[in-house]
Every structure is written in C-alpha cells, then in structure tokens.
Amino acid sequence: MDPTIKDFESASAELEAIVRKMEEGDLSLEQAMELYERGVQLSRFCHAQLEAAERRLEILNDRGELRGAPAAMGLTPPDEGGKTR
C-alpha cells in the first residue's frame, strides 16, 4: 500500500481533485500522465477498501450479526432465503 494514502475519505477527495484538474485540460502531457497514474493508485485503493467493507458485511450477514447493509452503501439487505436482493 502507498504510505501517502491515509484513508478512504482522503483518497476519494484527492481523486476528485485530480479529476477536476484533468477536466480543465490545462496540463502538459507529463503532468496529465502523473495525475493519471496517481488517480489509478487512488482508485485501486478506494476499490479495495470498498470490497473489504462489502466482504465484512457479507461475513456479518452470514453470522446473523447484522440485519443488512446501510442503504447509503448501495447494498440491499438479504431476503428470507439469505441471498441479497
């Protein structure tokens, strides 16, 4: 893991700032490539964090310790058969 990436929230905020800079289009090719590479690192970090959270929720659901994922995470609670809808 890149030690400069502290947590999901800061990685997400930095990624949003990179997207804004790239959309402005006032960058040299070298600057754009550096921002793109950093964006890929941040995107991978965020994706891994979201997958880990989803796995954790699935484990908790299987144990019956959690009724369902929060709606804000875009996950639906399991139906009566134990499968997610």
PDB file of N, CA and C in Angstrom:
ATOM      1  N   MET A   1       0.840  -1.188   0.000  1.00  0.00           N
ATOM      2  CA  MET A   1       0.000   0.000   0.000  1.00  0.00           C
ATOM      3  C   MET A   1       0.883   1.249   0.000  1.00  0.00           C
ATOM      4  N   ASP A   2       0.442   2.231  -0.719  1.00  0.00           N
ATOM      5  CA  ASP A   2       1.150   3.502  -0.794  1.00  0.00           C
ATOM      6  C   ASP A   2       1.025   4.227   0.547  1.00  0.00           C
ATOM      7  N   PRO A   3       2.142   4.535   1.203  1.00  0.00           N
ATOM      8  CA  PRO A   3       2.074   5.180   2.519  1.00  0.00           C
ATOM      9  C   PRO A   3       1.514   6.604   2.476  1.00  0.00           C
ATOM     10  N   THR A   4       1.433   7.195   1.288  1.00  0.00           N
ATOM     11  CA  THR A   4       0.879   8.550   1.199  1.00  0.00           C
ATOM     12  C   THR A   4      -0.640   8.553   1.188  1.00  0.00           C
ATOM     13  N   ILE A   5      -1.261   7.370   1.033  1.00  0.00           N
ATOM     14  CA  ILE A   5      -2.716   7.271   1.061  1.00  0.00           C
ATOM     15  C   ILE A   5      -3.122   6.889   2.475  1.00  0.00           C
ATOM     16  N   LYS A   6      -3.794   7.813   3.155  1.00  0.00           N
ATOM     17  CA  LYS A   6      -4.103   7.611   4.567  1.00  0.00           C
ATOM     18  C   LYS A   6      -5.394   6.815   4.799  1.00  0.00           C
ATOM     19  N   ASP A   7      -6.469   7.189   4.128  1.00  0.00           N
ATOM     20  CA  ASP A   7      -7.744   6.523   4.345  1.00  0.00           C
ATOM     21  C   ASP A   7      -8.652   6.735   3.135  1.00  0.00           C
ATOM     22  N   PHE A   8      -9.797   6.065   3.145  1.00  0.00           N
ATOM     23  CA  PHE A   8     -10.724   6.121   2.020  1.00  0.00           C
ATOM     24  C   PHE A   8     -11.167   7.551   1.726  1.00  0.00           C
ATOM     25  N   GLU A   9     -11.519   8.295   2.764  1.00  0.00           N
ATOM     26  CA  GLU A   9     -12.050   9.639   2.578  1.00  0.00           C
ATOM     27  C   GLU A   9     -11.031  10.566   1.931  1.00  0.00           C
ATOM     28  N   SER A  10      -9.789  10.529   2.407  1.00  0.00           N
ATOM     29  CA  SER A  10      -8.766  11.406   1.821  1.00  0.00           C
ATOM     30  C   SER A  10      -8.406  10.959   0.409  1.00  0.00           C
ATOM     31  N   ALA A  11      -8.394   9.646   0.164  1.00  0.00           N
ATOM     32  CA  ALA A  11      -8.105   9.139  -1.179  1.00  0.00           C
ATOM     33  C   ALA A  11      -9.203   9.562  -2.149  1.00  0.00           C
ATOM     34  N   SER A  12     -10.439   9.471  -1.709  1.00  0.00           N
ATOM     35  CA  SER A  12     -11.567   9.858  -2.548  1.00  0.00           C
ATOM     36  C   SER A  12     -11.520  11.358  -2.867  1.00  0.00           C
ATOM     37  N   ALA A  13     -11.220  12.166  -1.870  1.00  0.00           N
ATOM     38  CA  ALA A  13     -11.140  13.618  -2.074  1.00  0.00           C
ATOM     39  C   ALA A  13     -10.008  13.970  -3.038  1.00  0.00           C
ATOM     40  N   GLU A  14      -8.857  13.319  -2.881  1.00  0.00           N
ATOM     41  CA  GLU A  14      -7.730  13.582  -3.779  1.00  0.00           C
ATOM     42  C   GLU A  14      -8.071  13.150  -5.199  1.00  0.00           C
ATOM     43  N   LEU A  15      -8.745  12.023  -5.340  1.00  0.00           N
ATOM     44  CA  LEU A  15      -9.148  11.540  -6.653  1.00  0.00           C
ATOM     45  C   LEU A  15     -10.105  12.531  -7.329  1.00  0.00           C
ATOM     46  N   GLU A  16     -11.043  13.066  -6.580  1.00  0.00           N
ATOM     47  CA  GLU A  16     -11.960  14.066  -7.121  1.00  0.00           C
ATOM     48  C   GLU A  16     -11.207  15.308  -7.588  1.00  0.00           C
ATOM     49  N   ALA A  17     -10.197  15.741  -6.819  1.00  0.00           N
ATOM     50  CA  ALA A  17      -9.406  16.908  -7.205  1.00  0.00           C
ATOM     51  C   ALA A  17      -8.627  16.636  -8.496  1.00  0.00           C
ATOM     52  N   ILE A  18      -8.109  15.426  -8.636  1.00  0.00           N
ATOM     53  CA  ILE A  18      -7.384  15.044  -9.847  1.00  0.00           C
ATOM     54  C   ILE A  18      -8.312  15.084 -11.053  1.00  0.00           C
ATOM     55  N   VAL A  19      -9.502  14.552 -10.893  1.00  0.00           N
ATOM     56  CA  VAL A  19     -10.469  14.552 -11.999  1.00  0.00           C
ATOM     57  C   VAL A  19     -10.774  15.986 -12.422  1.00  0.00           C
ATOM     58  N   ARG A  20     -10.993  16.881 -11.458  1.00  0.00           N
ATOM     59  CA  ARG A  20     -11.270  18.284 -11.788  1.00  0.00           C
ATOM     60  C   ARG A  20     -10.117  18.903 -12.564  1.00  0.00           C
ATOM     61  N   LYS A  21      -8.874  18.673 -12.105  1.00  0.00           N
ATOM     62  CA  LYS A  21      -7.707  19.227 -12.802  1.00  0.00           C
ATOM     63  C   LYS A  21      -7.610  18.706 -14.219  1.00  0.00           C
ATOM     64  N   MET A  22      -7.853  17.417 -14.391  1.00  0.00           N
ATOM     65  CA  MET A  22      -7.739  16.833 -15.720  1.00  0.00           C
ATOM     66  C   MET A  22      -8.859  17.322 -16.637  1.00  0.00           C
ATOM     67  N   GLU A  23     -10.037  17.551 -16.089  1.00  0.00           N
ATOM     68  CA  GLU A  23     -11.142  18.054 -16.893  1.00  0.00           C
ATOM     69  C   GLU A  23     -10.888  19.482 -17.380  1.00  0.00           C
ATOM     70  N   GLU A  24     -10.137  20.254 -16.622  1.00  0.00           N
ATOM     71  CA  GLU A  24      -9.807  21.618 -17.036  1.00  0.00           C
ATOM     72  C   GLU A  24      -8.955  21.611 -18.303  1.00  0.00           C
ATOM     73  N   GLY A  25      -8.114  20.588 -18.440  1.00  0.00           N
ATOM     74  CA  GLY A  25      -7.352  20.414 -19.666  1.00  0.00           C
ATOM     75  C   GLY A  25      -6.138  21.313 -19.842  1.00  0.00           C
ATOM     76  N   ASP A  26      -5.760  22.076 -18.858  1.00  0.00           N
ATOM     77  CA  ASP A  26      -4.610  22.976 -18.971  1.00  0.00           C
ATOM     78  C   ASP A  26      -3.339  22.341 -18.433  1.00  0.00           C
ATOM     79  N   LEU A  27      -3.075  21.096 -18.807  1.00  0.00           N
ATOM     80  CA  LEU A  27      -1.927  20.364 -18.295  1.00  0.00           C
ATOM     81  C   LEU A  27      -1.024  19.947 -19.450  1.00  0.00           C
ATOM     82  N   SER A  28       0.252  19.853 -19.142  1.00  0.00           N
ATOM     83  CA  SER A  28       1.165  19.274 -20.123  1.00  0.00           C
ATOM     84  C   SER A  28       0.922  17.767 -20.152  1.00  0.00           C
ATOM     85  N   LEU A  29       1.428  17.116 -21.174  1.00  0.00           N
ATOM     86  CA  LEU A  29       1.273  15.667 -21.261  1.00  0.00           C
ATOM     87  C   LEU A  29       1.895  14.993 -20.040  1.00  0.00           C
ATOM     88  N   GLU A  30       3.064  15.449 -19.631  1.00  0.00           N
ATOM     89  CA  GLU A  30       3.735  14.853 -18.468  1.00  0.00           C
ATOM     90  C   GLU A  30       2.913  15.031 -17.192  1.00  0.00           C
ATOM     91  N   GLN A  31       2.366  16.221 -16.992  1.00  0.00           N
ATOM     92  CA  GLN A  31       1.527  16.468 -15.813  1.00  0.00           C
ATOM     93  C   GLN A  31       0.283  15.583 -15.844  1.00  0.00           C
ATOM     94  N   ALA A  32      -0.333  15.480 -17.016  1.00  0.00           N
ATOM     95  CA  ALA A  32      -1.531  14.659 -17.151  1.00  0.00           C
ATOM     96  C   ALA A  32      -1.218  13.198 -16.852  1.00  0.00           C
ATOM     97  N   MET A  33      -0.089  12.711 -17.341  1.00  0.00           N
ATOM     98  CA  MET A  33       0.292  11.322 -17.090  1.00  0.00           C
ATOM     99  C   MET A  33       0.543  11.076 -15.606  1.00  0.00           C
ATOM    100  N   GLU A  34       1.212  12.007 -14.937  1.00  0.00           N
ATOM    101  CA  GLU A  34       1.468  11.866 -13.499  1.00  0.00           C
ATOM    102  C   GLU A  34       0.160  11.850 -12.716  1.00  0.00           C
ATOM    103  N   LEU A  35      -0.752  12.748 -13.074  1.00  0.00           N
ATOM    104  CA  LEU A  35      -2.046  12.778 -12.387  1.00  0.00           C
ATOM    105  C   LEU A  35      -2.839  11.509 -12.668  1.00  0.00           C
ATOM    106  N   TYR A  36      -2.784  11.033 -13.905  1.00  0.00           N
ATOM    107  CA  TYR A  36      -3.494   9.810 -14.259  1.00  0.00           C
ATOM    108  C   TYR A  36      -2.971   8.629 -13.436  1.00  0.00           C
ATOM    109  N   GLU A  37      -1.642   8.508 -13.350  1.00  0.00           N
ATOM    110  CA  GLU A  37      -1.043   7.416 -12.576  1.00  0.00           C
ATOM    111  C   GLU A  37      -1.444   7.490 -11.109  1.00  0.00           C
ATOM    112  N   ARG A  38      -1.436   8.692 -10.551  1.00  0.00           N
ATOM    113  CA  ARG A  38      -1.849   8.857  -9.152  1.00  0.00           C
ATOM    114  C   ARG A  38      -3.331   8.513  -9.005  1.00  0.00           C
ATOM    115  N   GLY A  39      -4.127   8.924  -9.966  1.00  0.00           N
ATOM    116  CA  GLY A  39      -5.548   8.613  -9.936  1.00  0.00           C
ATOM    117  C   GLY A  39      -5.807   7.120  -9.946  1.00  0.00           C
ATOM    118  N   VAL A  40      -5.034   6.380 -10.734  1.00  0.00           N
ATOM    119  CA  VAL A  40      -5.184   4.926 -10.780  1.00  0.00           C
ATOM    120  C   VAL A  40      -4.848   4.331  -9.415  1.00  0.00           C
ATOM    121  N   GLN A  41      -3.776   4.801  -8.786  1.00  0.00           N
ATOM    122  CA  GLN A  41      -3.410   4.318  -7.443  1.00  0.00           C
ATOM    123  C   GLN A  41      -4.550   4.567  -6.458  1.00  0.00           C
ATOM    124  N   LEU A  42      -5.077   5.780  -6.484  1.00  0.00           N
ATOM    125  CA  LEU A  42      -6.149   6.144  -5.555  1.00  0.00           C
ATOM    126  C   LEU A  42      -7.416   5.340  -5.828  1.00  0.00           C
ATOM    127  N   SER A  43      -7.733   5.173  -7.098  1.00  0.00           N
ATOM    128  CA  SER A  43      -8.913   4.403  -7.471  1.00  0.00           C
ATOM    129  C   SER A  43      -8.793   2.957  -7.008  1.00  0.00           C
ATOM    130  N   ARG A  44      -7.639   2.363  -7.196  1.00  0.00           N
ATOM    131  CA  ARG A  44      -7.432   0.978  -6.749  1.00  0.00           C
ATOM    132  C   ARG A  44      -7.547   0.868  -5.232  1.00  0.00           C
ATOM    133  N   PHE A  45      -6.983   1.828  -4.525  1.00  0.00           N
ATOM    134  CA  PHE A  45      -7.064   1.833  -3.068  1.00  0.00           C
ATOM    135  C   PHE A  45      -8.528   1.908  -2.625  1.00  0.00           C
ATOM    136  N   CYS A  46      -9.289   2.856  -3.214  1.00  0.00           N
ATOM    137  CA  CYS A  46     -10.699   3.017  -2.840  1.00  0.00           C
ATOM    138  C   CYS A  46     -11.494   1.762  -3.161  1.00  0.00           C
ATOM    139  N   HIS A  47     -11.248   1.184  -4.321  1.00  0.00           N
ATOM    140  CA  HIS A  47     -11.956  -0.032  -4.715  1.00  0.00           C
ATOM    141  C   HIS A  47     -11.664  -1.168  -3.728  1.00  0.00           C
ATOM    142  N   ALA A  48     -10.410  -1.322  -3.344  1.00  0.00           N
ATOM    143  CA  ALA A  48     -10.038  -2.372  -2.386  1.00  0.00           C
ATOM    144  C   ALA A  48     -10.707  -2.137  -1.033  1.00  0.00           C
ATOM    145  N   GLN A  49     -10.781  -0.883  -0.607  1.00  0.00           N
ATOM    146  CA  GLN A  49     -11.429  -0.567   0.668  1.00  0.00           C
ATOM    147  C   GLN A  49     -12.923  -0.902   0.615  1.00  0.00           C
ATOM    148  N   LEU A  50     -13.571  -0.577  -0.497  1.00  0.00           N
ATOM    149  CA  LEU A  50     -14.998  -0.875  -0.640  1.00  0.00           C
ATOM    150  C   LEU A  50     -15.241  -2.376  -0.697  1.00  0.00           C
ATOM    151  N   GLU A  51     -14.388  -3.109  -1.394  1.00  0.00           N
ATOM    152  CA  GLU A  51     -14.536  -4.565  -1.446  1.00  0.00           C
ATOM    153  C   GLU A  51     -14.354  -5.185  -0.069  1.00  0.00           C
ATOM    154  N   ALA A  52     -13.383  -4.692   0.694  1.00  0.00           N
ATOM    155  CA  ALA A  52     -13.154  -5.213   2.043  1.00  0.00           C
ATOM    156  C   ALA A  52     -14.361  -4.947   2.936  1.00  0.00           C
ATOM    157  N   ALA A  53     -14.939  -3.771   2.808  1.00  0.00           N
ATOM    158  CA  ALA A  53     -16.126  -3.445   3.610  1.00  0.00           C
ATOM    159  C   ALA A  53     -17.294  -4.339   3.215  1.00  0.00           C
ATOM    160  N   GLU A  54     -17.455  -4.579   1.920  1.00  0.00           N
ATOM    161  CA  GLU A  54     -18.540  -5.449   1.464  1.00  0.00           C
ATOM    162  C   GLU A  54     -18.351  -6.875   1.966  1.00  0.00           C
ATOM    163  N   ARG A  55     -17.105  -7.385   1.906  1.00  0.00           N
ATOM    164  CA  ARG A  55     -16.835  -8.738   2.433  1.00  0.00           C
ATOM    165  C   ARG A  55     -17.141  -8.811   3.914  1.00  0.00           C
ATOM    166  N   ARG A  56     -16.767  -7.779   4.634  1.00  0.00           N
ATOM    167  CA  ARG A  56     -17.022  -7.753   6.072  1.00  0.00           C
ATOM    168  C   ARG A  56     -18.525  -7.786   6.355  1.00  0.00           C
ATOM    169  N   LEU A  57     -19.292  -7.017   5.574  1.00  0.00           N
ATOM    170  CA  LEU A  57     -20.740  -7.026   5.753  1.00  0.00           C
ATOM    171  C   LEU A  57     -21.322  -8.385   5.407  1.00  0.00           C
ATOM    172  N   GLU A  58     -20.822  -9.022   4.359  1.00  0.00           N
ATOM    173  CA  GLU A  58     -21.309 -10.345   3.985  1.00  0.00           C
ATOM    174  C   GLU A  58     -21.021 -11.357   5.083  1.00  0.00           C
ATOM    175  N   ILE A  59     -19.842 -11.273   5.681  1.00  0.00           N
ATOM    176  CA  ILE A  59     -19.488 -12.187   6.778  1.00  0.00           C
ATOM    177  C   ILE A  59     -20.423 -11.954   7.956  1.00  0.00           C
ATOM    178  N   LEU A  60     -20.640 -10.695   8.286  1.00  0.00           N
ATOM    179  CA  LEU A  60     -21.532 -10.395   9.398  1.00  0.00           C
ATOM    180  C   LEU A  60     -22.946 -10.872   9.093  1.00  0.00           C
ATOM    181  N   ASN A  61     -23.401 -10.713   7.857  1.00  0.00           N
ATOM    182  CA  ASN A  61     -24.729 -11.187   7.478  1.00  0.00           C
ATOM    183  C   ASN A  61     -24.830 -12.691   7.629  1.00  0.00           C
ATOM    184  N   ASP A  62     -23.810 -13.446   7.198  1.00  0.00           N
ATOM    185  CA  ASP A  62     -23.822 -14.896   7.306  1.00  0.00           C
ATOM    186  C   ASP A  62     -23.902 -15.349   8.759  1.00  0.00           C
ATOM    187  N   ARG A  63     -23.323 -14.597   9.648  1.00  0.00           N
ATOM    188  CA  ARG A  63     -23.359 -14.944  11.069  1.00  0.00           C
ATOM    189  C   ARG A  63     -24.647 -14.481  11.733  1.00  0.00           C
ATOM    190  N   GLY A  64     -25.428 -13.697  11.014  1.00  0.00           N
ATOM    191  CA  GLY A  64     -26.665 -13.182  11.579  1.00  0.00           C
ATOM    192  C   GLY A  64     -26.455 -12.043  12.551  1.00  0.00           C
ATOM    193  N   GLU A  65     -25.293 -11.429  12.509  1.00  0.00           N
ATOM    194  CA  GLU A  65     -24.994 -10.347  13.440  1.00  0.00           C
ATOM    195  C   GLU A  65     -25.353  -8.977  12.879  1.00  0.00           C
ATOM    196  N   LEU A  66     -25.785  -8.942  11.636  1.00  0.00           N
ATOM    197  CA  LEU A  66     -26.109  -7.672  11.018  1.00  0.00           C
ATOM    198  C   LEU A  66     -27.366  -7.863  10.184  1.00  0.00           C
ATOM    199  N   ARG A  67     -28.305  -6.961  10.282  1.00  0.00           N
ATOM    200  CA  ARG A  67     -29.579  -7.125   9.571  1.00  0.00           C
ATOM    201  C   ARG A  67     -29.485  -6.762   8.099  1.00  0.00           C
ATOM    202  N   GLY A  68     -28.574  -5.904   7.741  1.00  0.00           N
ATOM    203  CA  GLY A  68     -28.424  -5.505   6.345  1.00  0.00           C
ATOM    204  C   GLY A  68     -27.447  -4.363   6.228  1.00  0.00           C
ATOM    205  N   ALA A  69     -26.964  -4.181   5.044  1.00  0.00           N
ATOM    206  CA  ALA A  69     -26.029  -3.086   4.803  1.00  0.00           C
ATOM    207  C   ALA A  69     -26.790  -1.774   4.779  1.00  0.00           C
ATOM    208  N   PRO A  70     -26.155  -0.700   5.199  1.00  0.00           N
ATOM    209  CA  PRO A  70     -26.810   0.606   5.127  1.00  0.00           C
ATOM    210  C   PRO A  70     -27.158   0.945   3.684  1.00  0.00           C
ATOM    211  N   ALA A  71     -28.298   1.562   3.490  1.00  0.00           N
ATOM    212  CA  ALA A  71     -28.742   1.916   2.141  1.00  0.00           C
ATOM    213  C   ALA A  71     -27.737   2.834   1.450  1.00  0.00           C
ATOM    214  N   ALA A  72     -27.002   3.631   2.204  1.00  0.00           N
ATOM    215  CA  ALA A  72     -26.028   4.551   1.628  1.00  0.00           C
ATOM    216  C   ALA A  72     -24.901   3.824   0.919  1.00  0.00           C
ATOM    217  N   MET A  73     -24.674   2.558   1.248  1.00  0.00           N
ATOM    218  CA  MET A  73     -23.603   1.797   0.611  1.00  0.00           C
ATOM    219  C   MET A  73     -24.079   1.144  -0.682  1.00  0.00           C
ATOM    220  N   GLY A  74     -25.357   1.280  -0.994  1.00  0.00           N
ATOM    221  CA  GLY A  74     -25.872   0.715  -2.224  1.00  0.00           C
ATOM    222  C   GLY A  74     -26.083  -0.784  -2.172  1.00  0.00           C
ATOM    223  N   LEU A  75     -26.066  -1.358  -0.994  1.00  0.00           N
ATOM    224  CA  LEU A  75     -26.281  -2.793  -0.837  1.00  0.00           C
ATOM    225  C   LEU A  75     -27.674  -3.010  -0.265  1.00  0.00           C
ATOM    226  N   THR A  76     -28.318  -4.075  -0.680  1.00  0.00           N
ATOM    227  CA  THR A  76     -29.639  -4.364  -0.155  1.00  0.00           C
ATOM    228  C   THR A  76     -29.550  -5.460   0.884  1.00  0.00           C
ATOM    229  N   PRO A  77     -30.442  -5.444   1.867  1.00  0.00           N
ATOM    230  CA  PRO A  77     -30.409  -6.485   2.902  1.00  0.00           C
ATOM    231  C   PRO A  77     -30.794  -7.831   2.300  1.00  0.00           C
ATOM    232  N   PRO A  78     -30.389  -8.946   2.947  1.00  0.00           N
ATOM    233  CA  PRO A  78     -30.728 -10.264   2.428  1.00  0.00           C
ATOM    234  C   PRO A  78     -32.229 -10.510   2.507  1.00  0.00           C
ATOM    235  N   ASP A  79     -32.727 -11.317   1.565  1.00  0.00           N
ATOM    236  CA  ASP A  79     -34.133 -11.695   1.628  1.00  0.00           C
ATOM    237  C   ASP A  79     -34.285 -12.883   2.569  1.00  0.00           C
ATOM    238  N   GLU A  80     -35.432 -13.477   2.622  1.00  0.00           N
ATOM    239  CA  GLU A  80     -35.689 -14.570   3.553  1.00  0.00           C
ATOM    240  C   GLU A  80     -34.829 -15.788   3.298  1.00  0.00           C
ATOM    241  N   GLY A  81     -34.367 -15.983   2.071  1.00  0.00           N
ATOM    242  CA  GLY A  81     -33.543 -17.134   1.740  1.00  0.00           C
ATOM    243  C   GLY A  81     -32.065 -16.899   2.031  1.00  0.00           C
ATOM    244  N   GLY A  82     -31.713 -15.728   2.536  1.00  0.00           N
ATOM    245  CA  GLY A  82     -30.321 -15.446   2.871  1.00  0.00           C
ATOM    246  C   GLY A  82     -29.533 -14.839   1.720  1.00  0.00           C
ATOM    247  N   LYS A  83     -30.176 -14.668   0.571  1.00  0.00           N
ATOM    248  CA  LYS A  83     -29.495 -14.074  -0.582  1.00  0.00           C
ATOM    249  C   LYS A  83     -29.817 -12.598  -0.636  1.00  0.00           C
ATOM    250  N   THR A  84     -28.870 -11.814  -1.165  1.00  0.00           N
ATOM    251  CA  THR A  84     -29.136 -10.403  -1.308  1.00  0.00           C
ATOM    252  C   THR A  84     -30.035 -10.174  -2.502  1.00  0.00           C
ATOM    253  N   ARG A  85     -30.871  -9.158  -2.400  1.00  0.00           N
ATOM    254  CA  ARG A  85     -31.803  -8.844  -3.486  1.00  0.00           C
ATOM    255  C   ARG A  85     -31.164  -7.980  -4.524  1.00  0.00           C
TER     256      ARG A  85
END
